[in-house]
PDB file of N, CA and C in Angstrom:
ATOM      1  N   UNK A   1       5.162  21.256  18.791  1.00  0.00           N
ATOM      2  CA  UNK A   1       5.549  19.943  19.270  1.00  0.00           C
ATOM      3  C   UNK A   1       4.318  19.130  19.661  1.00  0.00           C
ATOM      4  N   UNK A   2       3.305  19.794  20.223  1.00  0.00           N
ATOM      5  CA  UNK A   2       2.089  19.088  20.595  1.00  0.00           C
ATOM      6  C   UNK A   2       1.404  18.464  19.388  1.00  0.00           C
ATOM      7  N   UNK A   3       1.489  19.131  18.220  1.00  0.00           N
ATOM      8  CA  UNK A   3       0.882  18.583  17.002  1.00  0.00           C
ATOM      9  C   UNK A   3       1.540  17.274  16.601  1.00  0.00           C
ATOM     10  N   UNK A   4       2.843  17.178  16.734  1.00  0.00           N
ATOM     11  CA  UNK A   4       3.554  15.952  16.392  1.00  0.00           C
ATOM     12  C   UNK A   4       3.142  14.830  17.337  1.00  0.00           C
ATOM     13  N   UNK A   5       3.033  15.151  18.623  1.00  0.00           N
ATOM     14  CA  UNK A   5       2.587  14.139  19.591  1.00  0.00           C
ATOM     15  C   UNK A   5       1.155  13.703  19.286  1.00  0.00           C
ATOM     16  N   UNK A   6       0.332  14.626  18.860  1.00  0.00           N
ATOM     17  CA  UNK A   6      -1.048  14.313  18.505  1.00  0.00           C
ATOM     18  C   UNK A   6      -1.093  13.367  17.301  1.00  0.00           C
ATOM     19  N   UNK A   7      -0.264  13.624  16.313  1.00  0.00           N
ATOM     20  CA  UNK A   7      -0.188  12.751  15.137  1.00  0.00           C
ATOM     21  C   UNK A   7       0.267  11.357  15.557  1.00  0.00           C
ATOM     22  N   UNK A   8       1.289  11.275  16.396  1.00  0.00           N
ATOM     23  CA  UNK A   8       1.795   9.968  16.845  1.00  0.00           C
ATOM     24  C   UNK A   8       0.730   9.202  17.622  1.00  0.00           C
ATOM     25  N   UNK A   9       0.003   9.878  18.501  1.00  0.00           N
ATOM     26  CA  UNK A   9      -1.073   9.209  19.255  1.00  0.00           C
ATOM     27  C   UNK A   9      -2.137   8.675  18.302  1.00  0.00           C
ATOM     28  N   UNK A  10      -2.474   9.466  17.286  1.00  0.00           N
ATOM     29  CA  UNK A  10      -3.468   9.037  16.296  1.00  0.00           C
ATOM     30  C   UNK A  10      -2.982   7.789  15.554  1.00  0.00           C
ATOM     31  N   UNK A  11      -1.728   7.771  15.144  1.00  0.00           N
ATOM     32  CA  UNK A  11      -1.174   6.610  14.439  1.00  0.00           C
ATOM     33  C   UNK A  11      -1.126   5.382  15.345  1.00  0.00           C
ATOM     34  N   UNK A  12      -0.746   5.574  16.596  1.00  0.00           N
ATOM     35  CA  UNK A  12      -0.628   4.454  17.534  1.00  0.00           C
ATOM     36  C   UNK A  12      -1.982   3.837  17.893  1.00  0.00           C
ATOM     37  N   UNK A  13      -3.063   4.565  17.702  1.00  0.00           N
ATOM     38  CA  UNK A  13      -4.400   4.014  17.962  1.00  0.00           C
ATOM     39  C   UNK A  13      -4.694   2.808  17.072  1.00  0.00           C
ATOM     40  N   UNK A  14      -4.055   2.747  15.921  1.00  0.00           N
ATOM     41  CA  UNK A  14      -4.299   1.663  14.965  1.00  0.00           C
ATOM     42  C   UNK A  14      -3.303   0.509  15.134  1.00  0.00           C
ATOM     43  N   UNK A  15      -2.425   0.581  16.113  1.00  0.00           N
ATOM     44  CA  UNK A  15      -1.450  -0.489  16.346  1.00  0.00           C
ATOM     45  C   UNK A  15      -2.150  -1.776  16.769  1.00  0.00           C
ATOM     46  N   UNK A  16      -1.535  -2.908  16.444  1.00  0.00           N
ATOM     47  CA  UNK A  16      -2.016  -4.225  16.860  1.00  0.00           C
ATOM     48  C   UNK A  16      -0.977  -4.793  17.819  1.00  0.00           C
ATOM     49  N   UNK A  17      -1.388  -5.044  19.061  1.00  0.00           N
ATOM     50  CA  UNK A  17      -0.493  -5.556  20.090  1.00  0.00           C
ATOM     51  C   UNK A  17       0.775  -4.714  20.206  1.00  0.00           C
ATOM     52  N   UNK A  18       0.606  -3.404  20.138  1.00  0.00           N
ATOM     53  CA  UNK A  18       1.715  -2.484  20.296  1.00  0.00           C
ATOM     54  C   UNK A  18       2.621  -2.335  19.083  1.00  0.00           C
ATOM     55  N   UNK A  19       2.199  -2.897  17.941  1.00  0.00           N
ATOM     56  CA  UNK A  19       3.033  -2.839  16.731  1.00  0.00           C
ATOM     57  C   UNK A  19       2.248  -2.238  15.571  1.00  0.00           C
ATOM     58  N   UNK A  20       2.951  -1.556  14.650  1.00  0.00           N
ATOM     59  CA  UNK A  20       2.278  -1.067  13.439  1.00  0.00           C
ATOM     60  C   UNK A  20       1.727  -2.247  12.629  1.00  0.00           C
ATOM     61  N   UNK A  21       0.617  -2.017  11.915  1.00  0.00           N
ATOM     62  CA  UNK A  21      -0.063  -3.094  11.204  1.00  0.00           C
ATOM     63  C   UNK A  21       0.796  -3.743  10.112  1.00  0.00           C
ATOM     64  N   UNK A  22       1.786  -3.045   9.581  1.00  0.00           N
ATOM     65  CA  UNK A  22       2.605  -3.659   8.532  1.00  0.00           C
ATOM     66  C   UNK A  22       3.596  -4.683   9.103  1.00  0.00           C
ATOM     67  N   UNK A  23       3.710  -4.769  10.429  1.00  0.00           N
ATOM     68  CA  UNK A  23       4.661  -5.714  11.017  1.00  0.00           C
ATOM     69  C   UNK A  23       3.993  -6.967  11.588  1.00  0.00           C
ATOM     70  N   UNK A  24       2.668  -7.045  11.523  1.00  0.00           N
ATOM     71  CA  UNK A  24       1.965  -8.206  12.072  1.00  0.00           C
ATOM     72  C   UNK A  24       1.499  -9.114  10.938  1.00  0.00           C
ATOM     73  N   UNK A  25       1.165 -10.356  11.272  1.00  0.00           N
ATOM     74  CA  UNK A  25       0.703 -11.313  10.272  1.00  0.00           C
ATOM     75  C   UNK A  25      -0.775 -11.577  10.453  1.00  0.00           C
ATOM     76  N   UNK A  26      -1.404 -12.108   9.419  1.00  0.00           N
ATOM     77  CA  UNK A  26      -2.808 -12.494   9.500  1.00  0.00           C
ATOM     78  C   UNK A  26      -3.758 -11.409   9.060  1.00  0.00           C
ATOM     79  N   UNK A  27      -5.018 -11.578   9.430  1.00  0.00           N
ATOM     80  CA  UNK A  27      -6.065 -10.670   8.956  1.00  0.00           C
ATOM     81  C   UNK A  27      -5.933  -9.254   9.503  1.00  0.00           C
ATOM     82  N   UNK A  28      -5.189  -9.060  10.578  1.00  0.00           N
ATOM     83  CA  UNK A  28      -5.000  -7.713  11.124  1.00  0.00           C
ATOM     84  C   UNK A  28      -3.855  -6.967  10.439  1.00  0.00           C
ATOM     85  N   UNK A  29      -3.115  -7.651   9.587  1.00  0.00           N
ATOM     86  CA  UNK A  29      -2.003  -7.035   8.877  1.00  0.00           C
ATOM     87  C   UNK A  29      -2.525  -6.187   7.722  1.00  0.00           C
ATOM     88  N   UNK A  30      -1.729  -5.232   7.281  1.00  0.00           N
ATOM     89  CA  UNK A  30      -2.079  -4.469   6.084  1.00  0.00           C
ATOM     90  C   UNK A  30      -1.678  -5.237   4.823  1.00  0.00           C
ATOM     91  N   UNK A  31      -0.963  -6.364   4.997  1.00  0.00           N
ATOM     92  CA  UNK A  31      -0.526  -7.176   3.864  1.00  0.00           C
ATOM     93  C   UNK A  31      -1.233  -8.525   3.860  1.00  0.00           C
ATOM     94  N   UNK A  32      -1.634  -8.982   2.680  1.00  0.00           N
ATOM     95  CA  UNK A  32      -2.191 -10.324   2.485  1.00  0.00           C
ATOM     96  C   UNK A  32      -1.199 -11.060   1.590  1.00  0.00           C
ATOM     97  N   UNK A  33      -0.511 -12.040   2.142  1.00  0.00           N
ATOM     98  CA  UNK A  33       0.557 -12.737   1.418  1.00  0.00           C
ATOM     99  C   UNK A  33      -0.013 -13.980   0.745  1.00  0.00           C
ATOM    100  N   UNK A  34       0.240 -14.104  -0.561  1.00  0.00           N
ATOM    101  CA  UNK A  34      -0.228 -15.236  -1.359  1.00  0.00           C
ATOM    102  C   UNK A  34       0.898 -15.753  -2.231  1.00  0.00           C
ATOM    103  N   UNK A  35       0.860 -17.054  -2.525  1.00  0.00           N
ATOM    104  CA  UNK A  35       1.766 -17.579  -3.550  1.00  0.00           C
ATOM    105  C   UNK A  35       1.182 -17.207  -4.912  1.00  0.00           C
ATOM    106  N   UNK A  36       1.976 -17.287  -5.940  1.00  0.00           N
ATOM    107  CA  UNK A  36       1.483 -17.007  -7.285  1.00  0.00           C
ATOM    108  C   UNK A  36       0.332 -17.950  -7.640  1.00  0.00           C
ATOM    109  N   UNK A  37       0.465 -19.228  -7.259  1.00  0.00           N
ATOM    110  CA  UNK A  37      -0.571 -20.209  -7.564  1.00  0.00           C
ATOM    111  C   UNK A  37      -1.889 -19.863  -6.864  1.00  0.00           C
ATOM    112  N   UNK A  38      -1.816 -19.484  -5.582  1.00  0.00           N
ATOM    113  CA  UNK A  38      -3.021 -19.128  -4.829  1.00  0.00           C
ATOM    114  C   UNK A  38      -3.680 -17.880  -5.415  1.00  0.00           C
ATOM    115  N   UNK A  39      -2.856 -16.931  -5.839  1.00  0.00           N
ATOM    116  CA  UNK A  39      -3.389 -15.715  -6.460  1.00  0.00           C
ATOM    117  C   UNK A  39      -4.116 -16.049  -7.753  1.00  0.00           C
ATOM    118  N   UNK A  40      -3.501 -16.887  -8.579  1.00  0.00           N
ATOM    119  CA  UNK A  40      -4.096 -17.257  -9.870  1.00  0.00           C
ATOM    120  C   UNK A  40      -5.426 -17.981  -9.707  1.00  0.00           C
ATOM    121  N   UNK A  41      -5.603 -18.696  -8.589  1.00  0.00           N
ATOM    122  CA  UNK A  41      -6.839 -19.445  -8.352  1.00  0.00           C
ATOM    123  C   UNK A  41      -7.981 -18.569  -7.840  1.00  0.00           C
ATOM    124  N   UNK A  42      -7.686 -17.386  -7.347  1.00  0.00           N
ATOM    125  CA  UNK A  42      -8.718 -16.511  -6.785  1.00  0.00           C
ATOM    126  C   UNK A  42      -9.499 -15.811  -7.894  1.00  0.00           C
ATOM    127  N   UNK A  43     -10.780 -15.596  -7.624  1.00  0.00           N
ATOM    128  CA  UNK A  43     -11.619 -14.862  -8.572  1.00  0.00           C
ATOM    129  C   UNK A  43     -11.329 -13.365  -8.452  1.00  0.00           C
ATOM    130  N   UNK A  44     -11.765 -12.625  -9.445  1.00  0.00           N
ATOM    131  CA  UNK A  44     -11.609 -11.173  -9.401  1.00  0.00           C
ATOM    132  C   UNK A  44     -12.334 -10.618  -8.181  1.00  0.00           C
ATOM    133  N   UNK A  45     -13.495 -11.144  -7.880  1.00  0.00           N
ATOM    134  CA  UNK A  45     -14.257 -10.690  -6.711  1.00  0.00           C
ATOM    135  C   UNK A  45     -13.474 -10.935  -5.425  1.00  0.00           C
ATOM    136  N   UNK A  46     -12.827 -12.108  -5.302  1.00  0.00           N
ATOM    137  CA  UNK A  46     -12.016 -12.415  -4.114  1.00  0.00           C
ATOM    138  C   UNK A  46     -10.854 -11.438  -3.974  1.00  0.00           C
ATOM    139  N   UNK A  47     -10.198 -11.154  -5.081  1.00  0.00           N
ATOM    140  CA  UNK A  47      -9.060 -10.218  -5.068  1.00  0.00           C
ATOM    141  C   UNK A  47      -9.536  -8.825  -4.658  1.00  0.00           C
ATOM    142  N   UNK A  48     -10.650  -8.368  -5.227  1.00  0.00           N
ATOM    143  CA  UNK A  48     -11.183  -7.054  -4.877  1.00  0.00           C
ATOM    144  C   UNK A  48     -11.557  -6.982  -3.405  1.00  0.00           C
ATOM    145  N   UNK A  49     -12.094  -8.065  -2.862  1.00  0.00           N
ATOM    146  CA  UNK A  49     -12.465  -8.097  -1.449  1.00  0.00           C
ATOM    147  C   UNK A  49     -11.232  -7.954  -0.553  1.00  0.00           C
ATOM    148  N   UNK A  50     -10.155  -8.637  -0.920  1.00  0.00           N
ATOM    149  CA  UNK A  50      -8.898  -8.510  -0.162  1.00  0.00           C
ATOM    150  C   UNK A  50      -8.381  -7.076  -0.244  1.00  0.00           C
ATOM    151  N   UNK A  51      -8.425  -6.508  -1.452  1.00  0.00           N
ATOM    152  CA  UNK A  51      -7.877  -5.170  -1.666  1.00  0.00           C
ATOM    153  C   UNK A  51      -8.675  -4.070  -0.966  1.00  0.00           C
ATOM    154  N   UNK A  52      -9.859  -4.384  -0.484  1.00  0.00           N
ATOM    155  CA  UNK A  52     -10.628  -3.404   0.276  1.00  0.00           C
ATOM    156  C   UNK A  52      -9.923  -3.036   1.567  1.00  0.00           C
ATOM    157  N   UNK A  53      -9.166  -3.985   2.148  1.00  0.00           N
ATOM    158  CA  UNK A  53      -8.563  -3.739   3.462  1.00  0.00           C
ATOM    159  C   UNK A  53      -7.070  -4.035   3.537  1.00  0.00           C
ATOM    160  N   UNK A  54      -6.521  -4.717   2.524  1.00  0.00           N
ATOM    161  CA  UNK A  54      -5.114  -5.115   2.597  1.00  0.00           C
ATOM    162  C   UNK A  54      -4.432  -4.949   1.240  1.00  0.00           C
ATOM    163  N   UNK A  55      -3.111  -4.863   1.289  1.00  0.00           N
ATOM    164  CA  UNK A  55      -2.289  -4.902   0.086  1.00  0.00           C
ATOM    165  C   UNK A  55      -1.934  -6.362  -0.175  1.00  0.00           C
ATOM    166  N   UNK A  56      -1.874  -6.747  -1.430  1.00  0.00           N
ATOM    167  CA  UNK A  56      -1.532  -8.126  -1.757  1.00  0.00           C
ATOM    168  C   UNK A  56      -0.037  -8.217  -2.072  1.00  0.00           C
ATOM    169  N   UNK A  57       0.631  -9.186  -1.437  1.00  0.00           N
ATOM    170  CA  UNK A  57       2.038  -9.478  -1.700  1.00  0.00           C
ATOM    171  C   UNK A  57       2.088 -10.892  -2.274  1.00  0.00           C
ATOM    172  N   UNK A  58       2.622 -11.017  -3.489  1.00  0.00           N
ATOM    173  CA  UNK A  58       2.703 -12.328  -4.131  1.00  0.00           C
ATOM    174  C   UNK A  58       4.131 -12.843  -4.001  1.00  0.00           C
ATOM    175  N   UNK A  59       4.262 -14.041  -3.412  1.00  0.00           N
ATOM    176  CA  UNK A  59       5.579 -14.660  -3.255  1.00  0.00           C
ATOM    177  C   UNK A  59       5.677 -15.842  -4.210  1.00  0.00           C
ATOM    178  N   UNK A  60       6.891 -16.245  -4.519  1.00  0.00           N
ATOM    179  CA  UNK A  60       7.100 -17.395  -5.389  1.00  0.00           C
ATOM    180  C   UNK A  60       6.862 -17.091  -6.855  1.00  0.00           C
ATOM    181  N   UNK A  61       6.943 -15.835  -7.233  1.00  0.00           N
ATOM    182  CA  UNK A  61       6.753 -15.452  -8.643  1.00  0.00           C
ATOM    183  C   UNK A  61       8.032 -15.700  -9.423  1.00  0.00           C
ATOM    184  N   UNK A  62       7.861 -15.974 -10.685  1.00  0.00           N
ATOM    185  CA  UNK A  62       9.015 -16.036 -11.565  1.00  0.00           C
ATOM    186  C   UNK A  62       9.564 -14.622 -11.715  1.00  0.00           C
ATOM    187  N   UNK A  63      10.858 -14.527 -11.757  1.00  0.00           N
ATOM    188  CA  UNK A  63      11.487 -13.217 -11.890  1.00  0.00           C
ATOM    189  C   UNK A  63      11.156 -12.627 -13.261  1.00  0.00           C
ATOM    190  N   UNK A  64      10.750 -11.378 -13.255  1.00  0.00           N
ATOM    191  CA  UNK A  64      10.411 -10.695 -14.499  1.00  0.00           C
ATOM    192  C   UNK A  64      11.674 -10.440 -15.312  1.00  0.00           C
ATOM    193  N   UNK A  65      11.542 -10.581 -16.598  1.00  0.00           N
ATOM    194  CA  UNK A  65      12.679 -10.286 -17.486  1.00  0.00           C
ATOM    195  C   UNK A  65      12.692  -8.819 -17.895  1.00  0.00           C
ATOM    196  N   UNK A  66      11.643  -8.103 -17.524  1.00  0.00           N
ATOM    197  CA  UNK A  66      11.553  -6.686 -17.849  1.00  0.00           C
ATOM    198  C   UNK A  66      12.433  -5.899 -16.891  1.00  0.00           C
ATOM    199  N   UNK A  67      13.275  -5.064 -17.455  1.00  0.00           N
ATOM    200  CA  UNK A  67      14.140  -4.229 -16.625  1.00  0.00           C
ATOM    201  C   UNK A  67      13.388  -2.974 -16.204  1.00  0.00           C
ATOM    202  N   UNK A  68      13.765  -2.446 -15.054  1.00  0.00           N
ATOM    203  CA  UNK A  68      13.157  -1.221 -14.550  1.00  0.00           C
ATOM    204  C   UNK A  68      13.920  -0.036 -15.132  1.00  0.00           C
ATOM    205  N   UNK A  69      13.662   0.222 -16.404  1.00  0.00           N
ATOM    206  CA  UNK A  69      14.274   1.345 -17.103  1.00  0.00           C
ATOM    207  C   UNK A  69      13.248   1.885 -18.096  1.00  0.00           C
ATOM    208  N   UNK A  70      13.651   2.858 -18.914  1.00  0.00           N
ATOM    209  CA  UNK A  70      12.706   3.479 -19.854  1.00  0.00           C
ATOM    210  C   UNK A  70      12.115   2.447 -20.810  1.00  0.00           C
ATOM    211  N   UNK A  71      12.924   1.534 -21.313  1.00  0.00           N
ATOM    212  CA  UNK A  71      12.402   0.520 -22.229  1.00  0.00           C
ATOM    213  C   UNK A  71      11.416  -0.407 -21.538  1.00  0.00           C
ATOM    214  N   UNK A  72      11.698  -0.775 -20.304  1.00  0.00           N
ATOM    215  CA  UNK A  72      10.777  -1.609 -19.544  1.00  0.00           C
ATOM    216  C   UNK A  72       9.460  -0.899 -19.277  1.00  0.00           C
ATOM    217  N   UNK A  73       9.537   0.400 -18.955  1.00  0.00           N
ATOM    218  CA  UNK A  73       8.323   1.174 -18.713  1.00  0.00           C
ATOM    219  C   UNK A  73       7.479   1.299 -19.978  1.00  0.00           C
ATOM    220  N   UNK A  74       8.126   1.352 -21.123  1.00  0.00           N
ATOM    221  CA  UNK A  74       7.393   1.444 -22.393  1.00  0.00           C
ATOM    222  C   UNK A  74       6.533   0.211 -22.646  1.00  0.00           C
ATOM    223  N   UNK A  75       6.858  -0.913 -22.019  1.00  0.00           N
ATOM    224  CA  UNK A  75       6.021  -2.105 -22.208  1.00  0.00           C
ATOM    225  C   UNK A  75       4.689  -1.951 -21.471  1.00  0.00           C
ATOM    226  N   UNK A  76       4.602  -1.026 -20.524  1.00  0.00           N
ATOM    227  CA  UNK A  76       3.363  -0.791 -19.784  1.00  0.00           C
ATOM    228  C   UNK A  76       2.486   0.253 -20.463  1.00  0.00           C
ATOM    229  N   UNK A  77       3.115   1.350 -20.891  1.00  0.00           N
ATOM    230  CA  UNK A  77       2.384   2.445 -21.537  1.00  0.00           C
ATOM    231  C   UNK A  77       3.404   3.397 -22.152  1.00  0.00           C
ATOM    232  N   UNK A  78       2.904   4.348 -22.918  1.00  0.00           N
ATOM    233  CA  UNK A  78       3.813   5.364 -23.456  1.00  0.00           C
ATOM    234  C   UNK A  78       4.327   6.209 -22.298  1.00  0.00           C
ATOM    235  N   UNK A  79       5.585   6.594 -22.350  1.00  0.00           N
ATOM    236  CA  UNK A  79       6.181   7.328 -21.231  1.00  0.00           C
ATOM    237  C   UNK A  79       5.598   8.724 -21.043  1.00  0.00           C
ATOM    238  N   UNK A  80       5.012   9.291 -22.085  1.00  0.00           N
ATOM    239  CA  UNK A  80       4.431  10.630 -21.963  1.00  0.00           C
ATOM    240  C   UNK A  80       2.915  10.574 -21.765  1.00  0.00           C
ATOM    241  N   UNK A  81       2.366   9.381 -21.530  1.00  0.00           N
ATOM    242  CA  UNK A  81       0.935   9.200 -21.309  1.00  0.00           C
ATOM    243  C   UNK A  81       0.551   9.661 -19.898  1.00  0.00           C
ATOM    244  N   UNK A  82      -0.464  10.547 -19.770  1.00  0.00           N
ATOM    245  CA  UNK A  82      -0.914  10.929 -18.429  1.00  0.00           C
ATOM    246  C   UNK A  82      -1.472   9.707 -17.696  1.00  0.00           C
ATOM    247  N   UNK A  83      -1.170   9.606 -16.407  1.00  0.00           N
ATOM    248  CA  UNK A  83      -1.609   8.471 -15.597  1.00  0.00           C
ATOM    249  C   UNK A  83      -2.409   8.997 -14.419  1.00  0.00           C
ATOM    250  N   UNK A  84      -3.600   8.443 -14.221  1.00  0.00           N
ATOM    251  CA  UNK A  84      -4.439   8.817 -13.094  1.00  0.00           C
ATOM    252  C   UNK A  84      -4.062   7.952 -11.897  1.00  0.00           C
ATOM    253  N   UNK A  85      -3.782   8.582 -10.777  1.00  0.00           N
ATOM    254  CA  UNK A  85      -3.442   7.854  -9.556  1.00  0.00           C
ATOM    255  C   UNK A  85      -4.535   8.148  -8.540  1.00  0.00           C
ATOM    256  N   UNK A  86      -5.168   7.088  -8.053  1.00  0.00           N
ATOM    257  CA  UNK A  86      -6.243   7.254  -7.093  1.00  0.00           C
ATOM    258  C   UNK A  86      -5.769   6.794  -5.729  1.00  0.00           C
ATOM    259  N   UNK A  87      -6.284   7.405  -4.694  1.00  0.00           N
ATOM    260  CA  UNK A  87      -5.892   7.014  -3.346  1.00  0.00           C
ATOM    261  C   UNK A  87      -6.427   8.003  -2.349  1.00  0.00           C
ATOM    262  N   UNK A  88      -6.012   7.832  -1.138  1.00  0.00           N
ATOM    263  CA  UNK A  88      -6.453   8.721  -0.069  1.00  0.00           C
ATOM    264  C   UNK A  88      -5.232   9.339   0.584  1.00  0.00           C
ATOM    265  N   UNK A  89      -5.381  10.546   1.016  1.00  0.00           N
ATOM    266  CA  UNK A  89      -4.298  11.189   1.754  1.00  0.00           C
ATOM    267  C   UNK A  89      -4.846  11.662   3.086  1.00  0.00           C
ATOM    268  N   UNK A  90      -3.978  11.750   4.025  1.00  0.00           N
ATOM    269  CA  UNK A  90      -4.343  12.156   5.370  1.00  0.00           C
ATOM    270  C   UNK A  90      -3.593  13.453   5.662  1.00  0.00           C
ATOM    271  N   UNK A  91      -4.333  14.500   5.867  1.00  0.00           N
ATOM    272  CA  UNK A  91      -3.695  15.801   6.080  1.00  0.00           C
ATOM    273  C   UNK A  91      -3.862  16.239   7.527  1.00  0.00           C
ATOM    274  N   UNK A  92      -2.818  16.765   8.071  1.00  0.00           N
ATOM    275  CA  UNK A  92      -2.828  17.294   9.426  1.00  0.00           C
ATOM    276  C   UNK A  92      -2.412  18.760   9.369  1.00  0.00           C
ATOM    277  N   UNK A  93      -3.123  19.579  10.075  1.00  0.00           N
ATOM    278  CA  UNK A  93      -2.769  20.989  10.151  1.00  0.00           C
ATOM    279  C   UNK A  93      -1.766  21.168  11.278  1.00  0.00           C
ATOM    280  N   UNK A  94      -0.608  21.670  10.935  1.00  0.00           N
ATOM    281  CA  UNK A  94       0.462  21.829  11.930  1.00  0.00           C
ATOM    282  C   UNK A  94       0.754  23.313  12.149  1.00  0.00           C
ATOM    283  N   UNK A  95       0.678  23.721  13.361  1.00  0.00           N
ATOM    284  CA  UNK A  95       1.068  25.072  13.799  1.00  0.00           C
ATOM    285  C   UNK A  95       0.331  26.163  13.029  1.00  0.00           C
ATOM    286  N   UNK A  96      -0.824  25.856  12.459  1.00  0.00           N
ATOM    287  CA  UNK A  96      -1.618  26.856  11.760  1.00  0.00           C
ATOM    288  C   UNK A  96      -1.031  27.321  10.441  1.00  0.00           C
ATOM    289  N   UNK A  97       0.126  26.793  10.038  1.00  0.00           N
ATOM    290  CA  UNK A  97       0.786  27.284   8.831  1.00  0.00           C
ATOM    291  C   UNK A  97       1.040  26.214   7.789  1.00  0.00           C
ATOM    292  N   UNK A  98       1.252  25.006   8.219  1.00  0.00           N
ATOM    293  CA  UNK A  98       1.792  23.969   7.343  1.00  0.00           C
ATOM    294  C   UNK A  98       0.835  22.793   7.254  1.00  0.00           C
ATOM    295  N   UNK A  99       0.659  22.227   6.086  1.00  0.00           N
ATOM    296  CA  UNK A  99      -0.129  20.999   5.893  1.00  0.00           C
ATOM    297  C   UNK A  99       0.832  19.875   5.556  1.00  0.00           C
ATOM    298  N   UNK A 100       0.688  18.769   6.262  1.00  0.00           N
ATOM    299  CA  UNK A 100       1.520  17.602   6.032  1.00  0.00           C
ATOM    300  C   UNK A 100       0.628  16.510   5.464  1.00  0.00           C
ATOM    301  N   UNK A 101       0.941  16.002   4.293  1.00  0.00           N
ATOM    302  CA  UNK A 101       0.155  14.941   3.689  1.00  0.00           C
ATOM    303  C   UNK A 101       0.938  13.647   3.762  1.00  0.00           C
ATOM    304  N   UNK A 102       0.346  12.616   4.356  1.00  0.00           N
ATOM    305  CA  UNK A 102       0.994  11.315   4.484  1.00  0.00           C
ATOM    306  C   UNK A 102       0.422  10.372   3.465  1.00  0.00           C
TER     307      UNK A 102
END
């Protein structure tokens, strides 16, 4: 039980004004909200700079005509094509037996 409390304390250290970062607005948020027009006007360098610290959410986009099914996925790549996924994981050792990856 102490391990769970330790994990919660660690997560709460990153809170902004007592709230998780995904619930706040502005530069302290994990989200950077842009209209489609504002996104289109940004340079690749500007987009990469935002993505260093935030996720980009684009609002005001035209609805995609591509369905979220096998045929829609085929427009992106072959369905049997290996895909490399990059990212970071945070592992906590719990009770000396179990690893939890978030």
